[in-house]
Each structure stands twice: as C-alpha cells, then as structure tokens.
C-alpha atoms as a PDB file:
ATOM      1  CA  MET A   1      27.188  12.469 -18.367  1.00  0.00           C
ATOM      2  CA  ILE A   2      23.563  13.383 -17.706  1.00  0.00           C
ATOM      3  CA  GLN A   3      22.886  15.683 -14.746  1.00  0.00           C
ATOM      4  CA  LEU A   4      19.800  14.747 -12.690  1.00  0.00           C
ATOM      5  CA  GLY A   5      19.516  17.383  -9.965  1.00  0.00           C
ATOM      6  CA  SER A   6      22.372  16.567  -7.634  1.00  0.00           C
ATOM      7  CA  ALA A   7      22.854  13.159  -9.268  1.00  0.00           C
ATOM      8  CA  ALA A   8      24.629  12.283 -12.490  1.00  0.00           C
ATOM      9  CA  LEU A   9      24.190   9.369 -14.837  1.00  0.00           C
ATOM     10  CA  ILE A  10      27.257   8.141 -16.700  1.00  0.00           C
ATOM     11  CA  HIS A  11      26.482   5.778 -19.542  1.00  0.00           C
ATOM     12  CA  ASP A  12      29.131   3.716 -21.308  1.00  0.00           C
ATOM     13  CA  PHE A  13      28.137   2.686 -24.794  1.00  0.00           C
ATOM     14  CA  TRP A  14      29.381  -0.298 -26.721  1.00  0.00           C
ATOM     15  CA  HIS A  15      28.813   0.327 -30.408  1.00  0.00           C
ATOM     16  CA  GLY A  16      29.678  -3.105 -31.723  1.00  0.00           C
ATOM     17  CA  ARG A  17      28.177  -6.546 -31.734  1.00  0.00           C
ATOM     18  CA  LYS A  18      28.178  -7.690 -28.143  1.00  0.00           C
ATOM     19  CA  GLU A  19      29.353 -11.140 -29.198  1.00  0.00           C
ATOM     20  CA  LYS A  20      32.688  -9.581 -30.206  1.00  0.00           C
ATOM     21  CA  LEU A  21      33.058  -8.161 -26.698  1.00  0.00           C
ATOM     22  CA  TRP A  22      32.721 -11.547 -24.951  1.00  0.00           C
ATOM     23  CA  PRO A  23      36.437 -12.444 -24.927  1.00  0.00           C
ATOM     24  CA  HIS A  24      37.214  -8.965 -23.549  1.00  0.00           C
ATOM     25  CA  LEU A  25      34.733  -8.538 -20.673  1.00  0.00           C
ATOM     26  CA  ARG A  26      37.459  -8.256 -18.004  1.00  0.00           C
ATOM     27  CA  GLU A  27      39.393  -5.714 -20.076  1.00  0.00           C
ATOM     28  CA  PHE A  28      36.215  -3.694 -20.703  1.00  0.00           C
ATOM     29  CA  ALA A  29      35.431  -3.771 -16.967  1.00  0.00           C
ATOM     30  CA  ASP A  30      38.956  -2.600 -16.120  1.00  0.00           C
ATOM     31  CA  HIS A  31      38.616   0.351 -18.506  1.00  0.00           C
ATOM     32  CA  ALA A  32      35.152   1.184 -17.142  1.00  0.00           C
ATOM     33  CA  ILE A  33      36.498   1.084 -13.572  1.00  0.00           C
ATOM     34  CA  ALA A  34      39.337   3.444 -14.531  1.00  0.00           C
ATOM     35  CA  HIS A  35      36.816   5.732 -16.260  1.00  0.00           C
ATOM     36  CA  ALA A  36      34.568   5.800 -13.173  1.00  0.00           C
ATOM     37  CA  LYS A  37      37.524   6.620 -10.895  1.00  0.00           C
ATOM     38  CA  ARG A  38      38.736   9.385 -13.243  1.00  0.00           C
ATOM     39  CA  THR A  39      35.254  10.882 -13.469  1.00  0.00           C
ATOM     40  CA  VAL A  40      34.716  10.899  -9.702  1.00  0.00           C
ATOM     41  CA  GLY A  41      38.222  12.348  -9.216  1.00  0.00           C
ATOM     42  CA  ALA A  42      37.696  15.085 -11.833  1.00  0.00           C
ATOM     43  CA  LEU A  43      34.395  16.083 -10.232  1.00  0.00           C
ATOM     44  CA  ALA A  44      36.082  16.287  -6.822  1.00  0.00           C
ATOM     45  CA  GLU A  45      38.874  18.467  -8.259  1.00  0.00           C
ATOM     46  CA  ASN A  46      36.233  20.824  -9.651  1.00  0.00           C
ATOM     47  CA  LYS A  47      34.673  21.166  -6.203  1.00  0.00           C
ATOM     48  CA  THR A  48      31.730  18.969  -7.183  1.00  0.00           C
ATOM     49  CA  PRO A  49      32.062  16.032  -4.813  1.00  0.00           C
ATOM     50  CA  CYS A  50      30.556  12.864  -6.194  1.00  0.00           C
ATOM     51  CA  GLU A  51      29.993   9.435  -4.737  1.00  0.00           C
ATOM     52  CA  LEU A  52      29.396   6.340  -6.823  1.00  0.00           C
ATOM     53  CA  TYR A  53      26.263   4.665  -5.445  1.00  0.00           C
ATOM     54  CA  VAL A  54      25.343   1.941  -7.876  1.00  0.00           C
ATOM     55  CA  ILE A  55      26.482   0.148 -11.023  1.00  0.00           C
ATOM     56  CA  HIS A  56      23.710  -0.948 -13.400  1.00  0.00           C
ATOM     57  CA  GLY A  57      23.980  -3.833 -15.842  1.00  0.00           C
ATOM     58  CA  HIS A  58      21.476  -4.636 -18.573  1.00  0.00           C
ATOM     59  CA  TYR A  59      21.390  -8.170 -19.974  1.00  0.00           C
ATOM     60  CA  ALA A  60      23.859 -10.874 -19.002  1.00  0.00           C
ATOM     61  CA  ASP A  61      27.094  -9.553 -20.553  1.00  0.00           C
ATOM     62  CA  ALA A  62      26.763  -6.034 -19.187  1.00  0.00           C
ATOM     63  CA  SER A  63      25.732  -7.453 -15.825  1.00  0.00           C
ATOM     64  CA  GLU A  64      28.887  -9.545 -15.680  1.00  0.00           C
ATOM     65  CA  ILE A  65      30.882  -6.355 -16.259  1.00  0.00           C
ATOM     66  CA  ALA A  66      28.752  -4.518 -13.696  1.00  0.00           C
ATOM     67  CA  ALA A  67      29.416  -7.276 -11.154  1.00  0.00           C
ATOM     68  CA  MET A  68      33.184  -6.964 -11.689  1.00  0.00           C
ATOM     69  CA  MET A  69      32.956  -3.182 -11.325  1.00  0.00           C
ATOM     70  CA  SER A  70      30.725  -3.422  -8.262  1.00  0.00           C
ATOM     71  CA  PHE A  71      33.122  -5.802  -6.515  1.00  0.00           C
ATOM     72  CA  THR A  72      36.203  -3.724  -7.347  1.00  0.00           C
ATOM     73  CA  LEU A  73      34.664  -0.337  -6.526  1.00  0.00           C
ATOM     74  CA  ILE A  74      32.749  -1.670  -3.495  1.00  0.00           C
ATOM     75  CA  VAL A  75      29.373  -0.282  -4.567  1.00  0.00           C
ATOM     76  CA  ASP A  76      25.982  -1.895  -5.055  1.00  0.00           C
ATOM     77  CA  MET A  77      25.002  -3.401  -8.371  1.00  0.00           C
ATOM     78  CA  VAL A  78      21.573  -3.748  -9.953  1.00  0.00           C
ATOM     79  CA  MET A  79      20.604  -5.728 -13.037  1.00  0.00           C
ATOM     80  CA  THR A  80      17.811  -5.298 -15.521  1.00  0.00           C
ATOM     81  CA  GLY A  81      17.352  -8.514 -17.372  1.00  0.00           C
ATOM     82  CA  HIS A  82      15.191  -9.277 -20.344  1.00  0.00           C
ATOM     83  CA  SER A  83      14.207 -12.306 -22.312  1.00  0.00           C
ATOM     84  CA  LEU A  84      14.220 -10.880 -25.821  1.00  0.00           C
ATOM     85  CA  GLY A  85      16.899 -13.323 -26.913  1.00  0.00           C
ATOM     86  CA  ARG A  86      15.371 -16.288 -25.115  1.00  0.00           C
ATOM     87  CA  ASN A  87      13.560 -17.626 -28.165  1.00  0.00           C
ATOM     88  CA  LYS A  88      15.528 -15.741 -30.821  1.00  0.00           C
ATOM     89  CA  LEU A  89      16.621 -18.858 -32.733  1.00  0.00           C
ATOM     90  CA  GLU A  90      13.149 -20.382 -32.613  1.00  0.00           C
ATOM     91  CA  HIS A  91      11.573 -17.174 -33.972  1.00  0.00           C
ATOM     92  CA  LEU A  92      14.191 -16.725 -36.701  1.00  0.00           C
ATOM     93  CA  LEU A  93      13.735 -20.282 -37.923  1.00  0.00           C
ATOM     94  CA  ALA A  94       9.926 -20.155 -37.731  1.00  0.00           C
ATOM     95  CA  SER A  95       9.762 -16.861 -39.618  1.00  0.00           C
ATOM     96  CA  GLY A  96      12.055 -18.126 -42.358  1.00  0.00           C
ATOM     97  CA  THR A  97      14.278 -15.088 -41.741  1.00  0.00           C
ATOM     98  CA  ALA A  98      17.384 -17.212 -41.341  1.00  0.00           C
ATOM     99  CA  CYS A  99      18.537 -20.783 -41.569  1.00  0.00           C
ATOM    100  CA  LEU A 100      20.238 -22.614 -38.700  1.00  0.00           C
ATOM    101  CA  CYS A 101      23.742 -22.168 -40.167  1.00  0.00           C
ATOM    102  CA  LEU A 102      23.339 -18.430 -40.712  1.00  0.00           C
ATOM    103  CA  SER A 103      21.800 -17.969 -37.263  1.00  0.00           C
ATOM    104  CA  ALA A 104      24.710 -19.814 -35.665  1.00  0.00           C
ATOM    105  CA  LEU A 105      27.182 -17.526 -37.420  1.00  0.00           C
ATOM    106  CA  LEU A 106      25.294 -14.287 -36.716  1.00  0.00           C
ATOM    107  CA  TYR A 107      24.459 -14.954 -33.081  1.00  0.00           C
ATOM    108  CA  ASN A 108      27.470 -17.022 -32.017  1.00  0.00           C
ATOM    109  CA  LEU A 109      25.260 -19.971 -31.151  1.00  0.00           C
ATOM    110  CA  GLN A 110      27.002 -23.071 -29.838  1.00  0.00           C
END
C-alpha cells in the first residue's frame, strides 16, 4: 500500500504471463474483492477509516477484472488502455524476431 496524504494506493501485481490468467479472471477478481474488503476493514479497525473510491484497470484483461470488482463493490471504475499489442504480430513477423507458429504459441494467438 502506498500512502498519498490521506489517500492510499493498493496495487495488486500479477507476476506471470497474463495469457495464463485468462481462464481465471473471475477467480482473480473474487480474490481481489476479498483483499479490498479485508484491507478496508483492517484500516477501520485501526481507527483509520477508509473508503474505496475507484478501481483502475490497465489493458483489457485487468479492466475486465476491474469491471467485476467495480460492480460487486459498487464503486467507480476507470480504464487506461493502450495499443502496444495492437500490431505485435505484424512487428514480430516484419522484424524477423519470430515466425508465425512461435508467435501463436508465445502470445496465445487464435
């Protein structure tokens, strides 16, 4: 948790390949919701009242999780998108970094 004046930032990290998380987005969201509730409850018990104002999602997968959390916790959600992966296959093939078969395996391309 990062303290920002009277605000706090709680950041959940996923230290794996995001493609491996795809079948488990709901489960991840459920654990993140439980974590958020525990954190807010622990702060309240320590006489540091805290209110959850917003859930932030970055890129599509995290934003899907953020949307589930936002709906369940009844708080606003914001999304920061990016297009870094938009032309990933095209760039990999053009640069000769990877062939189509390898790219499909590495990036779970359909």
